[in-house]
């Protein structure tokens, strides 16, 4: 398991089932750690003292978190498998971060 480099400004969640991709861009900080907003909507990947690293809707409903053992208190979101959950559905995603040459400014 790896973590994002401090300079990373983008990350992607890739769904295991069908390779569907959700792109996130860095958008400020929460609780002193980087926060990432999905480019097509109001979903956030962020950290909080109560939840650790997670994704949440604009309303603050947690809908994804790292799956299995990881450092929930890490300074950046863990690049590992994440499990999403909404109603009766659940999917596994890989969190991937952009290589420095893939980041556009």
PDB file of N, CA and C in Angstrom:
ATOM      1  N   UNK A   1       0.856  -1.181   0.000  1.00  0.00           N
ATOM      2  CA  UNK A   1       0.000   0.000   0.000  1.00  0.00           C
ATOM      3  C   UNK A   1       0.893   1.233   0.000  1.00  0.00           C
ATOM      4  N   UNK A   2       0.520   2.213  -0.809  1.00  0.00           N
ATOM      5  CA  UNK A   2       1.271   3.456  -0.876  1.00  0.00           C
ATOM      6  C   UNK A   2       0.346   4.615  -0.578  1.00  0.00           C
ATOM      7  N   UNK A   3       0.932   5.771  -0.355  1.00  0.00           N
ATOM      8  CA  UNK A   3       0.132   6.969  -0.169  1.00  0.00           C
ATOM      9  C   UNK A   3       0.487   7.964  -1.253  1.00  0.00           C
ATOM     10  N   UNK A   4      -0.350   8.935  -1.437  1.00  0.00           N
ATOM     11  CA  UNK A   4      -0.122   9.958  -2.442  1.00  0.00           C
ATOM     12  C   UNK A   4       1.052  10.839  -2.066  1.00  0.00           C
ATOM     13  N   UNK A   5       1.876  11.212  -3.044  1.00  0.00           N
ATOM     14  CA  UNK A   5       2.902  12.204  -2.762  1.00  0.00           C
ATOM     15  C   UNK A   5       2.254  13.525  -2.380  1.00  0.00           C
ATOM     16  N   UNK A   6       2.929  14.310  -1.575  1.00  0.00           N
ATOM     17  CA  UNK A   6       2.364  15.566  -1.077  1.00  0.00           C
ATOM     18  C   UNK A   6       1.974  16.519  -2.204  1.00  0.00           C
ATOM     19  N   UNK A   7       2.609  16.415  -3.365  1.00  0.00           N
ATOM     20  CA  UNK A   7       2.327  17.346  -4.452  1.00  0.00           C
ATOM     21  C   UNK A   7       1.184  16.891  -5.353  1.00  0.00           C
ATOM     22  N   UNK A   8       0.577  15.754  -5.083  1.00  0.00           N
ATOM     23  CA  UNK A   8      -0.458  15.232  -5.963  1.00  0.00           C
ATOM     24  C   UNK A   8      -1.695  16.119  -5.939  1.00  0.00           C
ATOM     25  N   UNK A   9      -2.187  16.442  -7.133  1.00  0.00           N
ATOM     26  CA  UNK A   9      -3.369  17.290  -7.222  1.00  0.00           C
ATOM     27  C   UNK A   9      -4.562  16.548  -7.807  1.00  0.00           C
ATOM     28  N   UNK A  10      -4.388  15.263  -8.162  1.00  0.00           N
ATOM     29  CA  UNK A  10      -5.493  14.509  -8.754  1.00  0.00           C
ATOM     30  C   UNK A  10      -5.391  13.039  -8.374  1.00  0.00           C
ATOM     31  N   UNK A  11      -6.558  12.411  -8.273  1.00  0.00           N
ATOM     32  CA  UNK A  11      -6.607  10.975  -8.043  1.00  0.00           C
ATOM     33  C   UNK A  11      -7.809  10.409  -8.769  1.00  0.00           C
ATOM     34  N   UNK A  12      -7.801   9.098  -8.963  1.00  0.00           N
ATOM     35  CA  UNK A  12      -8.859   8.410  -9.692  1.00  0.00           C
ATOM     36  C   UNK A  12      -9.271   7.172  -8.921  1.00  0.00           C
ATOM     37  N   UNK A  13     -10.578   6.937  -8.844  1.00  0.00           N
ATOM     38  CA  UNK A  13     -11.102   5.676  -8.341  1.00  0.00           C
ATOM     39  C   UNK A  13     -11.513   4.853  -9.557  1.00  0.00           C
ATOM     40  N   UNK A  14     -11.000   3.603  -9.648  1.00  0.00           N
ATOM     41  CA  UNK A  14     -11.292   2.722 -10.777  1.00  0.00           C
ATOM     42  C   UNK A  14     -12.063   1.513 -10.252  1.00  0.00           C
ATOM     43  N   UNK A  15     -13.302   1.336 -10.745  1.00  0.00           N
ATOM     44  CA  UNK A  15     -14.160   0.256 -10.262  1.00  0.00           C
ATOM     45  C   UNK A  15     -13.693  -1.089 -10.810  1.00  0.00           C
ATOM     46  N   UNK A  16     -13.569  -2.078  -9.945  1.00  0.00           N
ATOM     47  CA  UNK A  16     -13.123  -3.420 -10.333  1.00  0.00           C
ATOM     48  C   UNK A  16     -14.041  -4.067 -11.359  1.00  0.00           C
ATOM     49  N   UNK A  17     -15.337  -3.914 -11.186  1.00  0.00           N
ATOM     50  CA  UNK A  17     -16.324  -4.593 -12.011  1.00  0.00           C
ATOM     51  C   UNK A  17     -16.196  -4.270 -13.496  1.00  0.00           C
ATOM     52  N   UNK A  18     -16.014  -2.994 -13.827  1.00  0.00           N
ATOM     53  CA  UNK A  18     -16.069  -2.578 -15.230  1.00  0.00           C
ATOM     54  C   UNK A  18     -15.098  -1.454 -15.601  1.00  0.00           C
ATOM     55  N   UNK A  19     -14.138  -1.160 -14.734  1.00  0.00           N
ATOM     56  CA  UNK A  19     -13.139  -0.110 -14.980  1.00  0.00           C
ATOM     57  C   UNK A  19     -13.733   1.301 -15.080  1.00  0.00           C
ATOM     58  N   UNK A  20     -14.954   1.496 -14.594  1.00  0.00           N
ATOM     59  CA  UNK A  20     -15.516   2.842 -14.534  1.00  0.00           C
ATOM     60  C   UNK A  20     -14.593   3.706 -13.682  1.00  0.00           C
ATOM     61  N   UNK A  21     -14.343   4.921 -14.143  1.00  0.00           N
ATOM     62  CA  UNK A  21     -13.398   5.806 -13.460  1.00  0.00           C
ATOM     63  C   UNK A  21     -14.095   7.064 -12.955  1.00  0.00           C
ATOM     64  N   UNK A  22     -13.746   7.429 -11.733  1.00  0.00           N
ATOM     65  CA  UNK A  22     -14.184   8.683 -11.159  1.00  0.00           C
ATOM     66  C   UNK A  22     -12.948   9.507 -10.856  1.00  0.00           C
ATOM     67  N   UNK A  23     -12.870  10.676 -11.476  1.00  0.00           N
ATOM     68  CA  UNK A  23     -11.713  11.561 -11.332  1.00  0.00           C
ATOM     69  C   UNK A  23     -11.970  12.559 -10.209  1.00  0.00           C
ATOM     70  N   UNK A  24     -10.957  12.806  -9.403  1.00  0.00           N
ATOM     71  CA  UNK A  24     -11.019  13.783  -8.322  1.00  0.00           C
ATOM     72  C   UNK A  24      -9.855  14.756  -8.461  1.00  0.00           C
ATOM     73  N   UNK A  25     -10.099  16.005  -8.120  1.00  0.00           N
ATOM     74  CA  UNK A  25      -9.051  17.025  -8.108  1.00  0.00           C
ATOM     75  C   UNK A  25      -8.937  17.601  -6.709  1.00  0.00           C
ATOM     76  N   UNK A  26      -7.732  17.949  -6.355  1.00  0.00           N
ATOM     77  CA  UNK A  26      -7.535  18.554  -5.039  1.00  0.00           C
ATOM     78  C   UNK A  26      -8.303  19.865  -4.962  1.00  0.00           C
ATOM     79  N   UNK A  27      -8.991  20.047  -3.827  1.00  0.00           N
ATOM     80  CA  UNK A  27      -9.840  21.224  -3.657  1.00  0.00           C
ATOM     81  C   UNK A  27      -9.756  21.668  -2.196  1.00  0.00           C
ATOM     82  N   UNK A  28      -8.643  22.268  -1.850  1.00  0.00           N
ATOM     83  CA  UNK A  28      -8.466  22.773  -0.491  1.00  0.00           C
ATOM     84  C   UNK A  28      -8.103  21.701   0.516  1.00  0.00           C
ATOM     85  N   UNK A  29      -8.452  21.984   1.769  1.00  0.00           N
ATOM     86  CA  UNK A  29      -8.144  21.075   2.869  1.00  0.00           C
ATOM     87  C   UNK A  29      -9.334  20.958   3.805  1.00  0.00           C
ATOM     88  N   UNK A  30      -9.355  19.872   4.542  1.00  0.00           N
ATOM     89  CA  UNK A  30     -10.289  19.676   5.652  1.00  0.00           C
ATOM     90  C   UNK A  30      -9.502  19.102   6.816  1.00  0.00           C
ATOM     91  N   UNK A  31      -9.698  19.661   7.961  1.00  0.00           N
ATOM     92  CA  UNK A  31      -9.014  19.194   9.173  1.00  0.00           C
ATOM     93  C   UNK A  31      -7.496  19.115   8.964  1.00  0.00           C
ATOM     94  N   UNK A  32      -6.952  20.053   8.192  1.00  0.00           N
ATOM     95  CA  UNK A  32      -5.515  20.123   7.978  1.00  0.00           C
ATOM     96  C   UNK A  32      -4.949  19.103   7.008  1.00  0.00           C
ATOM     97  N   UNK A  33      -5.811  18.430   6.251  1.00  0.00           N
ATOM     98  CA  UNK A  33      -5.350  17.445   5.258  1.00  0.00           C
ATOM     99  C   UNK A  33      -5.988  17.757   3.909  1.00  0.00           C
ATOM    100  N   UNK A  34      -5.366  17.290   2.822  1.00  0.00           N
ATOM    101  CA  UNK A  34      -5.922  17.601   1.506  1.00  0.00           C
ATOM    102  C   UNK A  34      -7.319  17.020   1.330  1.00  0.00           C
ATOM    103  N   UNK A  35      -8.160  17.747   0.604  1.00  0.00           N
ATOM    104  CA  UNK A  35      -9.501  17.288   0.250  1.00  0.00           C
ATOM    105  C   UNK A  35      -9.588  17.250  -1.271  1.00  0.00           C
ATOM    106  N   UNK A  36     -10.280  16.246  -1.786  1.00  0.00           N
ATOM    107  CA  UNK A  36     -10.405  16.048  -3.227  1.00  0.00           C
ATOM    108  C   UNK A  36     -11.883  16.007  -3.593  1.00  0.00           C
ATOM    109  N   UNK A  37     -12.261  16.769  -4.629  1.00  0.00           N
ATOM    110  CA  UNK A  37     -13.656  16.801  -5.079  1.00  0.00           C
ATOM    111  C   UNK A  37     -13.758  16.106  -6.428  1.00  0.00           C
ATOM    112  N   UNK A  38     -14.785  15.276  -6.585  1.00  0.00           N
ATOM    113  CA  UNK A  38     -14.994  14.587  -7.854  1.00  0.00           C
ATOM    114  C   UNK A  38     -15.323  15.605  -8.932  1.00  0.00           C
ATOM    115  N   UNK A  39     -14.763  15.414 -10.120  1.00  0.00           N
ATOM    116  CA  UNK A  39     -14.887  16.411 -11.185  1.00  0.00           C
ATOM    117  C   UNK A  39     -16.292  16.484 -11.777  1.00  0.00           C
ATOM    118  N   UNK A  40     -17.112  15.457 -11.597  1.00  0.00           N
ATOM    119  CA  UNK A  40     -18.458  15.481 -12.190  1.00  0.00           C
ATOM    120  C   UNK A  40     -19.568  15.660 -11.157  1.00  0.00           C
ATOM    121  N   UNK A  41     -19.238  16.053  -9.948  1.00  0.00           N
ATOM    122  CA  UNK A  41     -20.295  16.228  -8.958  1.00  0.00           C
ATOM    123  C   UNK A  41     -19.755  16.610  -7.593  1.00  0.00           C
ATOM    124  N   UNK A  42     -20.608  16.565  -6.628  1.00  0.00           N
ATOM    125  CA  UNK A  42     -20.260  16.999  -5.277  1.00  0.00           C
ATOM    126  C   UNK A  42     -19.958  15.813  -4.358  1.00  0.00           C
ATOM    127  N   UNK A  43     -19.061  14.957  -4.771  1.00  0.00           N
ATOM    128  CA  UNK A  43     -18.564  13.878  -3.919  1.00  0.00           C
ATOM    129  C   UNK A  43     -17.147  14.253  -3.526  1.00  0.00           C
ATOM    130  N   UNK A  44     -16.827  14.031  -2.269  1.00  0.00           N
ATOM    131  CA  UNK A  44     -15.526  14.403  -1.733  1.00  0.00           C
ATOM    132  C   UNK A  44     -14.763  13.189  -1.230  1.00  0.00           C
ATOM    133  N   UNK A  45     -13.462  13.191  -1.392  1.00  0.00           N
ATOM    134  CA  UNK A  45     -12.562  12.254  -0.725  1.00  0.00           C
ATOM    135  C   UNK A  45     -11.800  13.114   0.285  1.00  0.00           C
ATOM    136  N   UNK A  46     -11.989  12.818   1.559  1.00  0.00           N
ATOM    137  CA  UNK A  46     -11.425  13.683   2.590  1.00  0.00           C
ATOM    138  C   UNK A  46     -11.165  12.890   3.871  1.00  0.00           C
ATOM    139  N   UNK A  47     -10.589  13.552   4.841  1.00  0.00           N
ATOM    140  CA  UNK A  47     -10.278  12.952   6.142  1.00  0.00           C
ATOM    141  C   UNK A  47     -11.016  13.718   7.232  1.00  0.00           C
ATOM    142  N   UNK A  48     -11.454  12.983   8.241  1.00  0.00           N
ATOM    143  CA  UNK A  48     -12.008  13.624   9.434  1.00  0.00           C
ATOM    144  C   UNK A  48     -11.558  12.824  10.651  1.00  0.00           C
ATOM    145  N   UNK A  49     -11.490  13.461  11.819  1.00  0.00           N
ATOM    146  CA  UNK A  49     -11.075  12.744  13.020  1.00  0.00           C
ATOM    147  C   UNK A  49     -11.992  11.560  13.349  1.00  0.00           C
ATOM    148  N   UNK A  50     -13.282  11.691  13.064  1.00  0.00           N
ATOM    149  CA  UNK A  50     -14.229  10.629  13.403  1.00  0.00           C
ATOM    150  C   UNK A  50     -14.233   9.475  12.401  1.00  0.00           C
ATOM    151  N   UNK A  51     -14.024   9.771  11.117  1.00  0.00           N
ATOM    152  CA  UNK A  51     -14.161   8.764  10.060  1.00  0.00           C
ATOM    153  C   UNK A  51     -12.848   8.310   9.446  1.00  0.00           C
ATOM    154  N   UNK A  52     -11.754   9.034   9.673  1.00  0.00           N
ATOM    155  CA  UNK A  52     -10.521   8.739   8.939  1.00  0.00           C
ATOM    156  C   UNK A  52     -10.732   9.096   7.474  1.00  0.00           C
ATOM    157  N   UNK A  53      -9.991   8.464   6.570  1.00  0.00           N
ATOM    158  CA  UNK A  53     -10.150   8.721   5.140  1.00  0.00           C
ATOM    159  C   UNK A  53     -11.431   8.079   4.656  1.00  0.00           C
ATOM    160  N   UNK A  54     -12.192   8.830   3.848  1.00  0.00           N
ATOM    161  CA  UNK A  54     -13.466   8.352   3.341  1.00  0.00           C
ATOM    162  C   UNK A  54     -13.914   9.222   2.176  1.00  0.00           C
ATOM    163  N   UNK A  55     -14.960   8.778   1.479  1.00  0.00           N
ATOM    164  CA  UNK A  55     -15.649   9.622   0.499  1.00  0.00           C
ATOM    165  C   UNK A  55     -17.025   9.906   1.058  1.00  0.00           C
ATOM    166  N   UNK A  56     -17.512  11.104   0.748  1.00  0.00           N
ATOM    167  CA  UNK A  56     -18.823  11.501   1.245  1.00  0.00           C
ATOM    168  C   UNK A  56     -19.542  12.341   0.205  1.00  0.00           C
ATOM    169  N   UNK A  57     -20.866  12.327   0.298  1.00  0.00           N
ATOM    170  CA  UNK A  57     -21.694  13.158  -0.574  1.00  0.00           C
ATOM    171  C   UNK A  57     -21.598  14.610  -0.118  1.00  0.00           C
ATOM    172  N   UNK A  58     -22.173  15.499  -0.920  1.00  0.00           N
ATOM    173  CA  UNK A  58     -22.189  16.921  -0.560  1.00  0.00           C
ATOM    174  C   UNK A  58     -22.932  17.149   0.748  1.00  0.00           C
ATOM    175  N   UNK A  59     -23.844  16.250   1.088  1.00  0.00           N
ATOM    176  CA  UNK A  59     -24.609  16.353   2.337  1.00  0.00           C
ATOM    177  C   UNK A  59     -23.846  15.780   3.534  1.00  0.00           C
ATOM    178  N   UNK A  60     -22.655  15.236   3.287  1.00  0.00           N
ATOM    179  CA  UNK A  60     -21.843  14.697   4.374  1.00  0.00           C
ATOM    180  C   UNK A  60     -22.083  13.233   4.688  1.00  0.00           C
ATOM    181  N   UNK A  61     -22.823  12.517   3.834  1.00  0.00           N
ATOM    182  CA  UNK A  61     -23.086  11.096   4.046  1.00  0.00           C
ATOM    183  C   UNK A  61     -21.888  10.287   3.539  1.00  0.00           C
ATOM    184  N   UNK A  62     -21.286   9.503   4.413  1.00  0.00           N
ATOM    185  CA  UNK A  62     -20.137   8.671   4.038  1.00  0.00           C
ATOM    186  C   UNK A  62     -20.623   7.556   3.118  1.00  0.00           C
ATOM    187  N   UNK A  63     -19.950   7.403   1.958  1.00  0.00           N
ATOM    188  CA  UNK A  63     -20.363   6.379   1.003  1.00  0.00           C
ATOM    189  C   UNK A  63     -19.222   5.506   0.508  1.00  0.00           C
ATOM    190  N   UNK A  64     -18.018   5.695   1.043  1.00  0.00           N
ATOM    191  CA  UNK A  64     -16.891   4.860   0.653  1.00  0.00           C
ATOM    192  C   UNK A  64     -15.769   5.042   1.665  1.00  0.00           C
ATOM    193  N   UNK A  65     -14.998   3.978   1.829  1.00  0.00           N
ATOM    194  CA  UNK A  65     -13.830   4.053   2.709  1.00  0.00           C
ATOM    195  C   UNK A  65     -12.840   2.970   2.300  1.00  0.00           C
ATOM    196  N   UNK A  66     -11.587   3.079   2.730  1.00  0.00           N
ATOM    197  CA  UNK A  66     -10.621   2.031   2.410  1.00  0.00           C
ATOM    198  C   UNK A  66     -11.098   0.676   2.944  1.00  0.00           C
ATOM    199  N   UNK A  67     -10.844  -0.366   2.168  1.00  0.00           N
ATOM    200  CA  UNK A  67     -11.260  -1.724   2.514  1.00  0.00           C
ATOM    201  C   UNK A  67     -10.062  -2.482   3.085  1.00  0.00           C
ATOM    202  N   UNK A  68     -10.240  -3.091   4.202  1.00  0.00           N
ATOM    203  CA  UNK A  68      -9.147  -3.846   4.813  1.00  0.00           C
ATOM    204  C   UNK A  68      -8.262  -2.955   5.658  1.00  0.00           C
ATOM    205  N   UNK A  69      -7.109  -3.477   6.007  1.00  0.00           N
ATOM    206  CA  UNK A  69      -6.191  -2.755   6.881  1.00  0.00           C
ATOM    207  C   UNK A  69      -5.451  -1.664   6.125  1.00  0.00           C
ATOM    208  N   UNK A  70      -5.428  -0.500   6.704  1.00  0.00           N
ATOM    209  CA  UNK A  70      -4.648   0.612   6.175  1.00  0.00           C
ATOM    210  C   UNK A  70      -4.529   1.642   7.281  1.00  0.00           C
ATOM    211  N   UNK A  71      -3.695   2.621   7.064  1.00  0.00           N
ATOM    212  CA  UNK A  71      -3.507   3.694   8.036  1.00  0.00           C
ATOM    213  C   UNK A  71      -4.578   4.757   7.814  1.00  0.00           C
ATOM    214  N   UNK A  72      -5.675   4.661   8.549  1.00  0.00           N
ATOM    215  CA  UNK A  72      -6.781   5.612   8.397  1.00  0.00           C
ATOM    216  C   UNK A  72      -6.390   7.013   8.849  1.00  0.00           C
ATOM    217  N   UNK A  73      -5.246   7.143   9.500  1.00  0.00           N
ATOM    218  CA  UNK A  73      -4.791   8.432  10.002  1.00  0.00           C
ATOM    219  C   UNK A  73      -3.638   8.989   9.163  1.00  0.00           C
ATOM    220  N   UNK A  74      -3.381   8.390   8.003  1.00  0.00           N
ATOM    221  CA  UNK A  74      -2.278   8.812   7.130  1.00  0.00           C
ATOM    222  C   UNK A  74      -2.487  10.254   6.665  1.00  0.00           C
ATOM    223  N   UNK A  75      -1.418  10.954   6.298  1.00  0.00           N
ATOM    224  CA  UNK A  75      -1.554  12.346   5.850  1.00  0.00           C
ATOM    225  C   UNK A  75      -2.226  12.488   4.484  1.00  0.00           C
ATOM    226  N   UNK A  76      -2.302  11.421   3.697  1.00  0.00           N
ATOM    227  CA  UNK A  76      -2.927  11.422   2.374  1.00  0.00           C
ATOM    228  C   UNK A  76      -3.813  10.178   2.260  1.00  0.00           C
ATOM    229  N   UNK A  77      -4.812  10.176   1.375  1.00  0.00           N
ATOM    230  CA  UNK A  77      -5.655   8.985   1.239  1.00  0.00           C
ATOM    231  C   UNK A  77      -4.842   7.777   0.775  1.00  0.00           C
ATOM    232  N   UNK A  78      -5.085   6.618   1.358  1.00  0.00           N
ATOM    233  CA  UNK A  78      -4.293   5.439   0.980  1.00  0.00           C
ATOM    234  C   UNK A  78      -4.634   4.941  -0.424  1.00  0.00           C
ATOM    235  N   UNK A  79      -3.594   4.691  -1.212  1.00  0.00           N
ATOM    236  CA  UNK A  79      -3.758   4.137  -2.563  1.00  0.00           C
ATOM    237  C   UNK A  79      -3.911   2.627  -2.420  1.00  0.00           C
ATOM    238  N   UNK A  80      -5.132   2.221  -2.139  1.00  0.00           N
ATOM    239  CA  UNK A  80      -5.458   0.825  -1.882  1.00  0.00           C
ATOM    240  C   UNK A  80      -6.866   0.566  -2.396  1.00  0.00           C
ATOM    241  N   UNK A  81      -7.416  -0.586  -2.089  1.00  0.00           N
ATOM    242  CA  UNK A  81      -8.791  -0.896  -2.468  1.00  0.00           C
ATOM    243  C   UNK A  81      -9.747  -0.175  -1.520  1.00  0.00           C
ATOM    244  N   UNK A  82     -10.769   0.434  -2.100  1.00  0.00           N
ATOM    245  CA  UNK A  82     -11.819   1.108  -1.340  1.00  0.00           C
ATOM    246  C   UNK A  82     -13.143   0.413  -1.642  1.00  0.00           C
ATOM    247  N   UNK A  83     -14.048   0.392  -0.660  1.00  0.00           N
ATOM    248  CA  UNK A  83     -15.397  -0.171  -0.856  1.00  0.00           C
ATOM    249  C   UNK A  83     -16.415   0.958  -0.768  1.00  0.00           C
ATOM    250  N   UNK A  84     -17.248   1.028  -1.802  1.00  0.00           N
ATOM    251  CA  UNK A  84     -18.342   1.997  -1.781  1.00  0.00           C
ATOM    252  C   UNK A  84     -19.611   1.284  -1.334  1.00  0.00           C
ATOM    253  N   UNK A  85     -20.539   2.044  -0.820  1.00  0.00           N
ATOM    254  CA  UNK A  85     -21.813   1.472  -0.399  1.00  0.00           C
ATOM    255  C   UNK A  85     -22.899   2.530  -0.523  1.00  0.00           C
ATOM    256  N   UNK A  86     -24.002   2.117  -1.109  1.00  0.00           N
ATOM    257  CA  UNK A  86     -25.156   2.995  -1.250  1.00  0.00           C
ATOM    258  C   UNK A  86     -26.383   2.100  -1.394  1.00  0.00           C
ATOM    259  N   UNK A  87     -27.327   2.286  -0.487  1.00  0.00           N
ATOM    260  CA  UNK A  87     -28.516   1.438  -0.448  1.00  0.00           C
ATOM    261  C   UNK A  87     -28.078  -0.024  -0.358  1.00  0.00           C
ATOM    262  N   UNK A  88     -28.500  -0.867  -1.298  1.00  0.00           N
ATOM    263  CA  UNK A  88     -28.139  -2.282  -1.230  1.00  0.00           C
ATOM    264  C   UNK A  88     -26.978  -2.644  -2.164  1.00  0.00           C
ATOM    265  N   UNK A  89     -26.281  -1.651  -2.694  1.00  0.00           N
ATOM    266  CA  UNK A  89     -25.171  -1.900  -3.619  1.00  0.00           C
ATOM    267  C   UNK A  89     -23.831  -1.589  -2.971  1.00  0.00           C
ATOM    268  N   UNK A  90     -22.814  -2.334  -3.402  1.00  0.00           N
ATOM    269  CA  UNK A  90     -21.455  -2.114  -2.922  1.00  0.00           C
ATOM    270  C   UNK A  90     -20.491  -2.489  -4.037  1.00  0.00           C
ATOM    271  N   UNK A  91     -19.451  -1.678  -4.221  1.00  0.00           N
ATOM    272  CA  UNK A  91     -18.458  -1.929  -5.263  1.00  0.00           C
ATOM    273  C   UNK A  91     -17.065  -1.747  -4.679  1.00  0.00           C
ATOM    274  N   UNK A  92     -16.096  -2.415  -5.309  1.00  0.00           N
ATOM    275  CA  UNK A  92     -14.695  -2.226  -4.951  1.00  0.00           C
ATOM    276  C   UNK A  92     -14.026  -1.350  -6.000  1.00  0.00           C
ATOM    277  N   UNK A  93     -13.183  -0.439  -5.523  1.00  0.00           N
ATOM    278  CA  UNK A  93     -12.442   0.481  -6.385  1.00  0.00           C
ATOM    279  C   UNK A  93     -10.975   0.480  -5.988  1.00  0.00           C
ATOM    280  N   UNK A  94     -10.103   0.707  -6.951  1.00  0.00           N
ATOM    281  CA  UNK A  94      -8.697   0.995  -6.669  1.00  0.00           C
ATOM    282  C   UNK A  94      -8.536   2.496  -6.670  1.00  0.00           C
ATOM    283  N   UNK A  95      -7.900   3.039  -5.645  1.00  0.00           N
ATOM    284  CA  UNK A  95      -7.561   4.452  -5.658  1.00  0.00           C
ATOM    285  C   UNK A  95      -6.194   4.571  -6.312  1.00  0.00           C
ATOM    286  N   UNK A  96      -6.124   5.344  -7.369  1.00  0.00           N
ATOM    287  CA  UNK A  96      -4.871   5.577  -8.089  1.00  0.00           C
ATOM    288  C   UNK A  96      -4.618   7.077  -8.131  1.00  0.00           C
ATOM    289  N   UNK A  97      -3.372   7.450  -8.093  1.00  0.00           N
ATOM    290  CA  UNK A  97      -3.064   8.869  -8.190  1.00  0.00           C
ATOM    291  C   UNK A  97      -2.297   9.137  -9.458  1.00  0.00           C
ATOM    292  N   UNK A  98      -2.428  10.362  -9.950  1.00  0.00           N
ATOM    293  CA  UNK A  98      -1.818  10.754 -11.211  1.00  0.00           C
ATOM    294  C   UNK A  98      -0.310  10.821 -11.067  1.00  0.00           C
ATOM    295  N   UNK A  99       0.366  10.290 -12.067  1.00  0.00           N
ATOM    296  CA  UNK A  99       1.812  10.460 -12.131  1.00  0.00           C
ATOM    297  C   UNK A  99       2.094  11.927 -12.419  1.00  0.00           C
ATOM    298  N   UNK A 100       3.256  12.454 -11.990  1.00  0.00           N
ATOM    299  CA  UNK A 100       3.533  13.876 -12.204  1.00  0.00           C
ATOM    300  C   UNK A 100       3.366  14.326 -13.653  1.00  0.00           C
ATOM    301  N   UNK A 101       3.667  13.454 -14.636  1.00  0.00           N
ATOM    302  CA  UNK A 101       3.538  13.867 -16.028  1.00  0.00           C
ATOM    303  C   UNK A 101       2.082  13.796 -16.532  1.00  0.00           C
ATOM    304  N   UNK A 102       1.153  13.260 -15.722  1.00  0.00           N
ATOM    305  CA  UNK A 102      -0.249  13.196 -16.114  1.00  0.00           C
ATOM    306  C   UNK A 102      -1.055  14.365 -15.560  1.00  0.00           C
ATOM    307  N   UNK A 103      -0.496  15.115 -14.669  1.00  0.00           N
ATOM    308  CA  UNK A 103      -1.208  16.217 -14.028  1.00  0.00           C
ATOM    309  C   UNK A 103      -1.144  17.430 -14.935  1.00  0.00           C
ATOM    310  N   UNK A 104      -2.319  18.002 -15.227  1.00  0.00           N
ATOM    311  CA  UNK A 104      -2.354  19.218 -16.026  1.00  0.00           C
ATOM    312  C   UNK A 104      -2.645  20.388 -15.117  1.00  0.00           C
ATOM    313  N   UNK A 105      -2.057  21.521 -15.433  1.00  0.00           N
ATOM    314  CA  UNK A 105      -2.236  22.709 -14.615  1.00  0.00           C
ATOM    315  C   UNK A 105      -3.029  23.737 -15.377  1.00  0.00           C
TER     316      UNK A 105
END
